[in-house]
Amino acid sequence: MKSLRLSKGWSQDQLAQMSGLNVRTIQRVEKGDTVGAETLKSLASVFEISTEELLQRIEAEKEPKSITETEQVQIDSNREQIEKRVDGIKYFYAFSAFLITVFVLFMLPNYNEGENTGPLIVVFLSFAVLIGGLAIVVYQPFGEQWKKKKVEQILKQQSSHDQGSAD
């Protein structure tokens, strides 16, 4: 029944008001508790379906959804990709923290009242380039997601352009 309610865009409160039932009753029905005949009739009339069809939908929602083997493989693959990405981000933060620590602990004490400013700037810029390069590798600002988004954007523009010229 929850899928029916959501397909109509109704909240539990709205459904309760339209059916003349208590919100708690709606929650119990959606949870899969037993339903009285009058409750079924009220809900079926609101959804404009028969009580039998409503009962079938309620029973179907009670059954656990089984995922196929291919869906499980896809889920596992996605999980592995996400774990690799998280490991890369973790490595990026650790490496950045290491470089910053090295710079602060070993380079800044050698400042010598501006005497070593040039070499310190070079070391700082080198560390910044290392961190920036690693950030590009880890976060992939122009990776697959960016590519998909751009392709969708161009296709959308082309389809709207084609529709505009067809009118």
N, C-alpha and C. Protein backbone atom coordinates (compact mmCIF):
# COMPACT_ATOMS: atom_id res chain seq x y z
N MET A 1 0.82 -1.19 0.00
CA MET A 1 0.00 0.00 0.00
C MET A 1 0.86 1.26 0.00
N LYS A 2 2.03 1.16 0.60
CA LYS A 2 2.91 2.31 0.65
C LYS A 2 3.28 2.77 -0.76
N SER A 3 3.54 1.81 -1.65
CA SER A 3 3.89 2.18 -3.02
C SER A 3 2.71 2.87 -3.71
N LEU A 4 1.50 2.43 -3.43
CA LEU A 4 0.31 3.10 -3.98
C LEU A 4 0.22 4.53 -3.48
N ARG A 5 0.41 4.69 -2.19
CA ARG A 5 0.34 6.02 -1.58
C ARG A 5 1.41 6.94 -2.16
N LEU A 6 2.63 6.42 -2.26
CA LEU A 6 3.72 7.24 -2.78
C LEU A 6 3.53 7.56 -4.26
N SER A 7 2.94 6.63 -5.02
CA SER A 7 2.71 6.90 -6.44
C SER A 7 1.71 8.04 -6.64
N LYS A 8 0.82 8.21 -5.67
CA LYS A 8 -0.13 9.33 -5.72
C LYS A 8 0.47 10.61 -5.15
N GLY A 9 1.63 10.48 -4.48
CA GLY A 9 2.28 11.64 -3.88
C GLY A 9 1.63 12.08 -2.58
N TRP A 10 1.00 11.14 -1.89
CA TRP A 10 0.30 11.47 -0.64
C TRP A 10 1.17 11.13 0.56
N SER A 11 1.02 11.92 1.61
CA SER A 11 1.65 11.58 2.88
C SER A 11 0.70 10.65 3.64
N GLN A 12 1.20 10.08 4.72
CA GLN A 12 0.34 9.24 5.55
C GLN A 12 -0.80 10.07 6.14
N ASP A 13 -0.51 11.30 6.51
CA ASP A 13 -1.55 12.18 7.06
C ASP A 13 -2.64 12.45 6.03
N GLN A 14 -2.23 12.72 4.80
CA GLN A 14 -3.22 13.00 3.76
C GLN A 14 -4.10 11.78 3.51
N LEU A 15 -3.47 10.61 3.42
CA LEU A 15 -4.24 9.38 3.20
C LEU A 15 -5.20 9.14 4.36
N ALA A 16 -4.75 9.40 5.57
CA ALA A 16 -5.61 9.21 6.75
C ALA A 16 -6.82 10.14 6.66
N GLN A 17 -6.61 11.39 6.28
CA GLN A 17 -7.73 12.33 6.17
C GLN A 17 -8.70 11.91 5.07
N MET A 18 -8.19 11.50 3.92
CA MET A 18 -9.06 11.13 2.81
C MET A 18 -9.85 9.86 3.10
N SER A 19 -9.23 8.93 3.85
CA SER A 19 -9.90 7.66 4.12
C SER A 19 -10.72 7.69 5.41
N GLY A 20 -10.54 8.73 6.20
CA GLY A 20 -11.26 8.80 7.47
C GLY A 20 -10.67 7.89 8.53
N LEU A 21 -9.42 7.47 8.32
CA LEU A 21 -8.75 6.58 9.27
C LEU A 21 -7.73 7.35 10.08
N ASN A 22 -7.25 6.71 11.11
CA ASN A 22 -6.22 7.28 11.96
C ASN A 22 -4.86 7.08 11.27
N VAL A 23 -3.94 8.00 11.47
CA VAL A 23 -2.59 7.88 10.89
C VAL A 23 -1.93 6.61 11.39
N ARG A 24 -2.15 6.29 12.65
CA ARG A 24 -1.56 5.07 13.22
C ARG A 24 -2.06 3.84 12.48
N THR A 25 -3.32 3.84 12.05
CA THR A 25 -3.88 2.72 11.29
C THR A 25 -3.16 2.60 9.95
N ILE A 26 -2.92 3.73 9.30
CA ILE A 26 -2.19 3.73 8.02
C ILE A 26 -0.80 3.15 8.23
N GLN A 27 -0.14 3.54 9.31
CA GLN A 27 1.21 3.04 9.59
C GLN A 27 1.19 1.52 9.82
N ARG A 28 0.17 1.04 10.52
CA ARG A 28 0.07 -0.40 10.77
C ARG A 28 -0.14 -1.17 9.47
N VAL A 29 -0.99 -0.63 8.60
CA VAL A 29 -1.25 -1.30 7.32
C VAL A 29 0.03 -1.36 6.51
N GLU A 30 0.75 -0.24 6.45
CA GLU A 30 2.00 -0.21 5.68
C GLU A 30 3.07 -1.10 6.28
N LYS A 31 3.01 -1.31 7.59
CA LYS A 31 3.97 -2.18 8.26
C LYS A 31 3.65 -3.65 8.00
N GLY A 32 2.42 -3.94 7.60
CA GLY A 32 2.05 -5.32 7.28
C GLY A 32 1.19 -5.98 8.34
N ASP A 33 0.68 -5.21 9.30
CA ASP A 33 -0.19 -5.79 10.31
C ASP A 33 -1.53 -6.19 9.67
N THR A 34 -2.30 -7.01 10.38
CA THR A 34 -3.59 -7.44 9.85
C THR A 34 -4.53 -6.24 9.75
N VAL A 35 -5.39 -6.29 8.75
CA VAL A 35 -6.26 -5.16 8.43
C VAL A 35 -7.71 -5.61 8.49
N GLY A 36 -8.55 -4.79 9.10
CA GLY A 36 -9.96 -5.09 9.17
C GLY A 36 -10.66 -4.80 7.85
N ALA A 37 -11.84 -5.36 7.69
CA ALA A 37 -12.59 -5.22 6.44
C ALA A 37 -12.97 -3.76 6.17
N GLU A 38 -13.41 -3.03 7.21
CA GLU A 38 -13.80 -1.63 7.02
C GLU A 38 -12.59 -0.76 6.63
N THR A 39 -11.46 -1.05 7.22
CA THR A 39 -10.24 -0.31 6.88
C THR A 39 -9.89 -0.56 5.41
N LEU A 40 -9.98 -1.83 4.99
CA LEU A 40 -9.70 -2.16 3.59
C LEU A 40 -10.64 -1.44 2.64
N LYS A 41 -11.93 -1.43 3.00
CA LYS A 41 -12.91 -0.76 2.14
C LYS A 41 -12.62 0.73 2.02
N SER A 42 -12.29 1.36 3.14
CA SER A 42 -11.99 2.80 3.12
C SER A 42 -10.78 3.10 2.24
N LEU A 43 -9.74 2.31 2.42
CA LEU A 43 -8.51 2.54 1.65
C LEU A 43 -8.72 2.22 0.17
N ALA A 44 -9.42 1.14 -0.12
CA ALA A 44 -9.66 0.76 -1.51
C ALA A 44 -10.46 1.85 -2.23
N SER A 45 -11.42 2.44 -1.54
CA SER A 45 -12.23 3.48 -2.19
C SER A 45 -11.40 4.74 -2.45
N VAL A 46 -10.48 5.06 -1.55
CA VAL A 46 -9.62 6.22 -1.76
C VAL A 46 -8.70 5.99 -2.96
N PHE A 47 -8.16 4.77 -3.07
CA PHE A 47 -7.26 4.46 -4.18
C PHE A 47 -8.02 4.10 -5.46
N GLU A 48 -9.33 3.97 -5.35
CA GLU A 48 -10.20 3.63 -6.48
C GLU A 48 -9.82 2.29 -7.09
N ILE A 49 -9.62 1.30 -6.21
CA ILE A 49 -9.36 -0.08 -6.63
C ILE A 49 -10.21 -1.00 -5.77
N SER A 50 -10.28 -2.26 -6.15
CA SER A 50 -11.07 -3.21 -5.36
C SER A 50 -10.30 -3.60 -4.11
N THR A 51 -11.05 -4.11 -3.12
CA THR A 51 -10.41 -4.54 -1.88
C THR A 51 -9.47 -5.72 -2.13
N GLU A 52 -9.83 -6.57 -3.10
CA GLU A 52 -8.98 -7.72 -3.43
C GLU A 52 -7.64 -7.25 -3.99
N GLU A 53 -7.69 -6.25 -4.88
CA GLU A 53 -6.46 -5.74 -5.46
C GLU A 53 -5.59 -5.08 -4.38
N LEU A 54 -6.25 -4.36 -3.48
CA LEU A 54 -5.51 -3.72 -2.39
C LEU A 54 -4.85 -4.78 -1.51
N LEU A 55 -5.57 -5.84 -1.19
CA LEU A 55 -5.01 -6.93 -0.39
C LEU A 55 -3.81 -7.57 -1.09
N GLN A 56 -3.92 -7.76 -2.41
CA GLN A 56 -2.81 -8.34 -3.16
C GLN A 56 -1.57 -7.43 -3.09
N ARG A 57 -1.79 -6.14 -3.20
CA ARG A 57 -0.66 -5.20 -3.13
C ARG A 57 -0.03 -5.20 -1.75
N ILE A 58 -0.86 -5.26 -0.72
CA ILE A 58 -0.34 -5.29 0.65
C ILE A 58 0.48 -6.56 0.86
N GLU A 59 -0.02 -7.69 0.38
CA GLU A 59 0.70 -8.96 0.52
C GLU A 59 2.01 -8.94 -0.28
N ALA A 60 1.97 -8.34 -1.47
CA ALA A 60 3.18 -8.28 -2.31
C ALA A 60 4.26 -7.45 -1.63
N GLU A 61 3.86 -6.40 -0.92
CA GLU A 61 4.85 -5.57 -0.23
C GLU A 61 5.42 -6.27 0.99
N LYS A 62 4.70 -7.25 1.54
CA LYS A 62 5.20 -8.00 2.69
C LYS A 62 6.32 -8.94 2.29
N GLU A 63 6.25 -9.48 1.05
CA GLU A 63 7.24 -10.45 0.59
C GLU A 63 8.59 -9.78 0.43
N PRO A 64 9.63 -10.42 0.94
CA PRO A 64 10.96 -9.83 0.77
C PRO A 64 11.36 -9.85 -0.69
N LYS A 65 11.94 -8.78 -1.13
CA LYS A 65 12.39 -8.69 -2.52
C LYS A 65 13.69 -9.46 -2.65
N SER A 66 13.71 -10.38 -3.60
CA SER A 66 14.94 -11.13 -3.82
C SER A 66 15.70 -10.48 -4.97
N ILE A 67 17.00 -10.43 -4.81
CA ILE A 67 17.80 -9.85 -5.87
C ILE A 67 18.46 -10.98 -6.66
N THR A 68 18.56 -10.77 -7.93
CA THR A 68 19.13 -11.79 -8.78
C THR A 68 20.64 -11.84 -8.61
N GLU A 69 21.23 -12.88 -9.15
CA GLU A 69 22.67 -13.05 -9.03
C GLU A 69 23.40 -11.93 -9.77
N THR A 70 22.89 -11.52 -10.93
CA THR A 70 23.54 -10.43 -11.68
C THR A 70 23.43 -9.11 -10.93
N GLU A 71 22.28 -8.88 -10.27
CA GLU A 71 22.14 -7.67 -9.47
C GLU A 71 23.12 -7.67 -8.30
N GLN A 72 23.31 -8.85 -7.69
CA GLN A 72 24.25 -8.96 -6.57
C GLN A 72 25.67 -8.71 -7.05
N VAL A 73 26.03 -9.22 -8.24
CA VAL A 73 27.36 -8.99 -8.79
C VAL A 73 27.57 -7.50 -9.04
N GLN A 74 26.53 -6.84 -9.58
CA GLN A 74 26.61 -5.41 -9.83
C GLN A 74 26.78 -4.64 -8.52
N ILE A 75 26.04 -5.02 -7.49
CA ILE A 75 26.14 -4.37 -6.18
C ILE A 75 27.55 -4.55 -5.62
N ASP A 76 28.07 -5.78 -5.71
CA ASP A 76 29.42 -6.05 -5.21
C ASP A 76 30.47 -5.25 -5.98
N SER A 77 30.30 -5.17 -7.29
CA SER A 77 31.24 -4.41 -8.12
C SER A 77 31.21 -2.93 -7.75
N ASN A 78 30.01 -2.38 -7.59
CA ASN A 78 29.89 -0.98 -7.19
C ASN A 78 30.53 -0.75 -5.83
N ARG A 79 30.32 -1.69 -4.93
CA ARG A 79 30.90 -1.56 -3.59
C ARG A 79 32.43 -1.55 -3.66
N GLU A 80 32.99 -2.44 -4.49
CA GLU A 80 34.45 -2.49 -4.63
C GLU A 80 34.98 -1.17 -5.20
N GLN A 81 34.30 -0.62 -6.19
CA GLN A 81 34.72 0.65 -6.78
C GLN A 81 34.66 1.77 -5.74
N ILE A 82 33.62 1.78 -4.97
CA ILE A 82 33.47 2.81 -3.94
C ILE A 82 34.54 2.66 -2.87
N GLU A 83 34.83 1.41 -2.47
CA GLU A 83 35.87 1.18 -1.48
C GLU A 83 37.23 1.63 -2.00
N LYS A 84 37.53 1.38 -3.28
CA LYS A 84 38.80 1.84 -3.87
C LYS A 84 38.87 3.36 -3.86
N ARG A 85 37.75 3.99 -4.19
CA ARG A 85 37.73 5.45 -4.20
C ARG A 85 37.95 6.01 -2.78
N VAL A 86 37.31 5.40 -1.80
CA VAL A 86 37.47 5.84 -0.41
C VAL A 86 38.91 5.63 0.04
N ASP A 87 39.52 4.50 -0.34
CA ASP A 87 40.92 4.26 0.00
C ASP A 87 41.82 5.33 -0.63
N GLY A 88 41.52 5.71 -1.87
CA GLY A 88 42.29 6.76 -2.54
C GLY A 88 42.16 8.10 -1.82
N ILE A 89 40.96 8.41 -1.38
CA ILE A 89 40.74 9.67 -0.65
C ILE A 89 41.49 9.63 0.69
N LYS A 90 41.43 8.48 1.36
CA LYS A 90 42.15 8.33 2.62
C LYS A 90 43.66 8.51 2.39
N TYR A 91 44.19 7.92 1.34
CA TYR A 91 45.61 8.06 1.01
C TYR A 91 45.94 9.52 0.71
N PHE A 92 45.06 10.20 -0.01
CA PHE A 92 45.27 11.61 -0.34
C PHE A 92 45.40 12.45 0.93
N TYR A 93 44.49 12.26 1.87
CA TYR A 93 44.54 13.03 3.11
C TYR A 93 45.80 12.71 3.92
N ALA A 94 46.15 11.43 3.98
CA ALA A 94 47.34 11.04 4.74
C ALA A 94 48.60 11.63 4.10
N PHE A 95 48.71 11.55 2.78
CA PHE A 95 49.87 12.08 2.08
C PHE A 95 49.96 13.60 2.23
N SER A 96 48.82 14.26 2.11
CA SER A 96 48.79 15.72 2.28
C SER A 96 49.22 16.11 3.68
N ALA A 97 48.71 15.41 4.67
CA ALA A 97 49.09 15.69 6.06
C ALA A 97 50.59 15.46 6.26
N PHE A 98 51.11 14.41 5.66
CA PHE A 98 52.55 14.12 5.76
C PHE A 98 53.37 15.26 5.16
N LEU A 99 53.02 15.71 3.96
CA LEU A 99 53.78 16.78 3.31
C LEU A 99 53.69 18.09 4.10
N ILE A 100 52.54 18.39 4.61
CA ILE A 100 52.38 19.62 5.41
C ILE A 100 53.22 19.53 6.68
N THR A 101 53.20 18.35 7.31
CA THR A 101 53.99 18.15 8.53
C THR A 101 55.49 18.29 8.23
N VAL A 102 55.93 17.69 7.14
CA VAL A 102 57.33 17.81 6.76
C VAL A 102 57.70 19.26 6.54
N PHE A 103 56.84 19.98 5.83
CA PHE A 103 57.13 21.38 5.55
C PHE A 103 57.21 22.19 6.84
N VAL A 104 56.23 22.00 7.71
CA VAL A 104 56.19 22.79 8.95
C VAL A 104 57.35 22.42 9.88
N LEU A 105 57.62 21.13 10.06
CA LEU A 105 58.62 20.70 11.04
C LEU A 105 60.07 20.85 10.56
N PHE A 106 60.29 20.65 9.27
CA PHE A 106 61.68 20.63 8.80
C PHE A 106 62.07 21.85 7.97
N MET A 107 61.13 22.46 7.31
CA MET A 107 61.50 23.54 6.41
C MET A 107 61.37 24.91 7.07
N LEU A 108 60.29 25.15 7.77
CA LEU A 108 60.10 26.48 8.36
C LEU A 108 61.17 26.85 9.39
N PRO A 109 61.68 25.89 10.19
CA PRO A 109 62.77 26.29 11.10
C PRO A 109 64.02 26.80 10.37
N ASN A 110 64.14 26.49 9.10
CA ASN A 110 65.29 26.92 8.31
C ASN A 110 65.04 28.25 7.61
N TYR A 111 64.05 28.95 8.04
CA TYR A 111 63.71 30.23 7.41
C TYR A 111 64.85 31.24 7.55
N ASN A 112 65.51 31.28 8.69
CA ASN A 112 66.67 32.15 8.97
C ASN A 112 66.43 33.60 8.57
N GLU A 113 65.39 34.17 9.06
CA GLU A 113 65.07 35.59 8.86
C GLU A 113 65.10 36.00 7.39
N GLY A 114 64.54 35.15 6.54
CA GLY A 114 64.41 35.49 5.13
C GLY A 114 65.56 35.06 4.27
N GLU A 115 66.58 34.52 4.87
CA GLU A 115 67.76 34.10 4.12
C GLU A 115 67.45 32.95 3.16
N ASN A 116 66.59 32.03 3.59
CA ASN A 116 66.26 30.85 2.78
C ASN A 116 64.86 30.92 2.18
N THR A 117 64.37 32.12 1.94
CA THR A 117 63.01 32.27 1.42
C THR A 117 62.85 31.61 0.06
N GLY A 118 63.78 31.80 -0.82
CA GLY A 118 63.69 31.22 -2.17
C GLY A 118 63.56 29.71 -2.15
N PRO A 119 64.48 29.01 -1.49
CA PRO A 119 64.35 27.55 -1.43
C PRO A 119 63.07 27.09 -0.73
N LEU A 120 62.65 27.83 0.29
CA LEU A 120 61.40 27.45 0.98
C LEU A 120 60.20 27.59 0.05
N ILE A 121 60.19 28.62 -0.76
CA ILE A 121 59.10 28.81 -1.72
C ILE A 121 59.11 27.68 -2.74
N VAL A 122 60.27 27.31 -3.22
CA VAL A 122 60.39 26.21 -4.18
C VAL A 122 59.89 24.90 -3.58
N VAL A 123 60.28 24.62 -2.34
CA VAL A 123 59.83 23.39 -1.67
C VAL A 123 58.32 23.44 -1.46
N PHE A 124 57.82 24.60 -1.03
CA PHE A 124 56.38 24.75 -0.82
C PHE A 124 55.62 24.52 -2.13
N LEU A 125 56.07 25.13 -3.21
CA LEU A 125 55.40 24.96 -4.51
C LEU A 125 55.49 23.51 -4.98
N SER A 126 56.61 22.85 -4.72
CA SER A 126 56.74 21.44 -5.09
C SER A 126 55.72 20.59 -4.33
N PHE A 127 55.61 20.84 -3.04
CA PHE A 127 54.63 20.11 -2.24
C PHE A 127 53.21 20.41 -2.73
N ALA A 128 52.94 21.66 -3.06
CA ALA A 128 51.61 22.03 -3.56
C ALA A 128 51.30 21.32 -4.87
N VAL A 129 52.29 21.21 -5.75
CA VAL A 129 52.10 20.50 -7.03
C VAL A 129 51.84 19.02 -6.76
N LEU A 130 52.59 18.42 -5.83
CA LEU A 130 52.37 17.01 -5.48
C LEU A 130 50.95 16.79 -4.95
N ILE A 131 50.53 17.64 -4.04
CA ILE A 131 49.19 17.51 -3.46
C ILE A 131 48.13 17.75 -4.54
N GLY A 132 48.33 18.78 -5.38
CA GLY A 132 47.37 19.05 -6.45
C GLY A 132 47.28 17.92 -7.45
N GLY A 133 48.44 17.35 -7.83
CA GLY A 133 48.44 16.22 -8.76
C GLY A 133 47.73 15.01 -8.20
N LEU A 134 48.00 14.74 -6.93
CA LEU A 134 47.33 13.61 -6.29
C LEU A 134 45.83 13.86 -6.17
N ALA A 135 45.45 15.11 -5.92
CA ALA A 135 44.02 15.44 -5.83
C ALA A 135 43.33 15.17 -7.17
N ILE A 136 44.00 15.51 -8.26
CA ILE A 136 43.40 15.26 -9.59
C ILE A 136 43.25 13.77 -9.83
N VAL A 137 44.26 12.99 -9.44
CA VAL A 137 44.19 11.54 -9.62
C VAL A 137 43.08 10.94 -8.76
N VAL A 138 42.98 11.39 -7.51
CA VAL A 138 42.01 10.80 -6.58
C VAL A 138 40.59 11.25 -6.88
N TYR A 139 40.37 12.55 -7.06
CA TYR A 139 39.01 13.08 -7.20
C TYR A 139 38.52 13.08 -8.64
N GLN A 140 39.39 12.89 -9.60
CA GLN A 140 39.04 12.79 -11.02
C GLN A 140 37.97 13.80 -11.42
N PRO A 141 38.33 15.09 -11.43
CA PRO A 141 37.32 16.10 -11.76
C PRO A 141 36.78 15.95 -13.18
N PHE A 142 37.52 15.29 -14.06
CA PHE A 142 37.05 15.07 -15.42
C PHE A 142 36.95 13.57 -15.70
N GLY A 143 36.46 12.83 -14.72
CA GLY A 143 36.33 11.37 -14.83
C GLY A 143 35.03 10.96 -15.50
N GLU A 144 34.65 9.72 -15.23
CA GLU A 144 33.48 9.11 -15.87
C GLU A 144 32.17 9.85 -15.54
N GLN A 145 32.01 10.26 -14.28
CA GLN A 145 30.77 10.96 -13.91
C GLN A 145 30.65 12.27 -14.66
N TRP A 146 31.76 13.00 -14.76
CA TRP A 146 31.75 14.26 -15.50
C TRP A 146 31.41 14.00 -16.95
N LYS A 147 32.01 12.95 -17.53
CA LYS A 147 31.78 12.60 -18.93
C LYS A 147 30.30 12.26 -19.17
N LYS A 148 29.72 11.44 -18.29
CA LYS A 148 28.30 11.08 -18.43
C LYS A 148 27.41 12.30 -18.35
N LYS A 149 27.71 13.18 -17.39
CA LYS A 149 26.91 14.39 -17.21
C LYS A 149 26.98 15.27 -18.46
N LYS A 150 28.17 15.41 -19.03
CA LYS A 150 28.34 16.23 -20.24
C LYS A 150 27.61 15.62 -21.43
N VAL A 151 27.70 14.30 -21.59
CA VAL A 151 27.01 13.63 -22.69
C VAL A 151 25.50 13.84 -22.56
N GLU A 152 24.97 13.66 -21.35
CA GLU A 152 23.53 13.87 -21.13
C GLU A 152 23.14 15.31 -21.42
N GLN A 153 23.98 16.24 -21.00
CA GLN A 153 23.70 17.66 -21.23
C GLN A 153 23.66 17.97 -22.72
N ILE A 154 24.62 17.45 -23.49
CA ILE A 154 24.66 17.70 -24.93
C ILE A 154 23.48 17.04 -25.62
N LEU A 155 23.15 15.80 -25.22
CA LEU A 155 21.99 15.12 -25.82
C LEU A 155 20.70 15.87 -25.53
N LYS A 156 20.58 16.39 -24.32
CA LYS A 156 19.39 17.16 -23.96
C LYS A 156 19.30 18.43 -24.81
N GLN A 157 20.44 19.10 -24.99
CA GLN A 157 20.45 20.31 -25.82
C GLN A 157 20.07 19.98 -27.26
N GLN A 158 20.61 18.88 -27.79
CA GLN A 158 20.31 18.49 -29.16
C GLN A 158 18.84 18.14 -29.32
N SER A 159 18.30 17.41 -28.35
CA SER A 159 16.89 17.02 -28.46
C SER A 159 15.98 18.23 -28.36
N SER A 160 16.31 19.19 -27.49
CA SER A 160 15.49 20.41 -27.40
C SER A 160 15.64 21.25 -28.66
N HIS A 161 16.85 21.25 -29.24
CA HIS A 161 17.08 21.97 -30.50
C HIS A 161 16.30 21.32 -31.65
N ASP A 162 16.33 19.97 -31.68
CA ASP A 162 15.60 19.24 -32.73
C ASP A 162 14.10 19.45 -32.60
N GLN A 163 13.59 19.49 -31.37
CA GLN A 163 12.16 19.72 -31.16
C GLN A 163 11.80 21.14 -31.57
N GLY A 164 12.68 22.09 -31.28
CA GLY A 164 12.43 23.49 -31.63
C GLY A 164 12.40 23.70 -33.14
N SER A 165 13.26 22.98 -33.87
CA SER A 165 13.28 23.13 -35.33
C SER A 165 12.14 22.36 -35.99
N ALA A 166 11.61 21.34 -35.30
CA ALA A 166 10.49 20.56 -35.85
C ALA A 166 9.19 21.34 -35.74
N ASP A 167 9.11 22.27 -34.76
CA ASP A 167 7.89 23.06 -34.59
C ASP A 167 7.81 24.06 -35.65
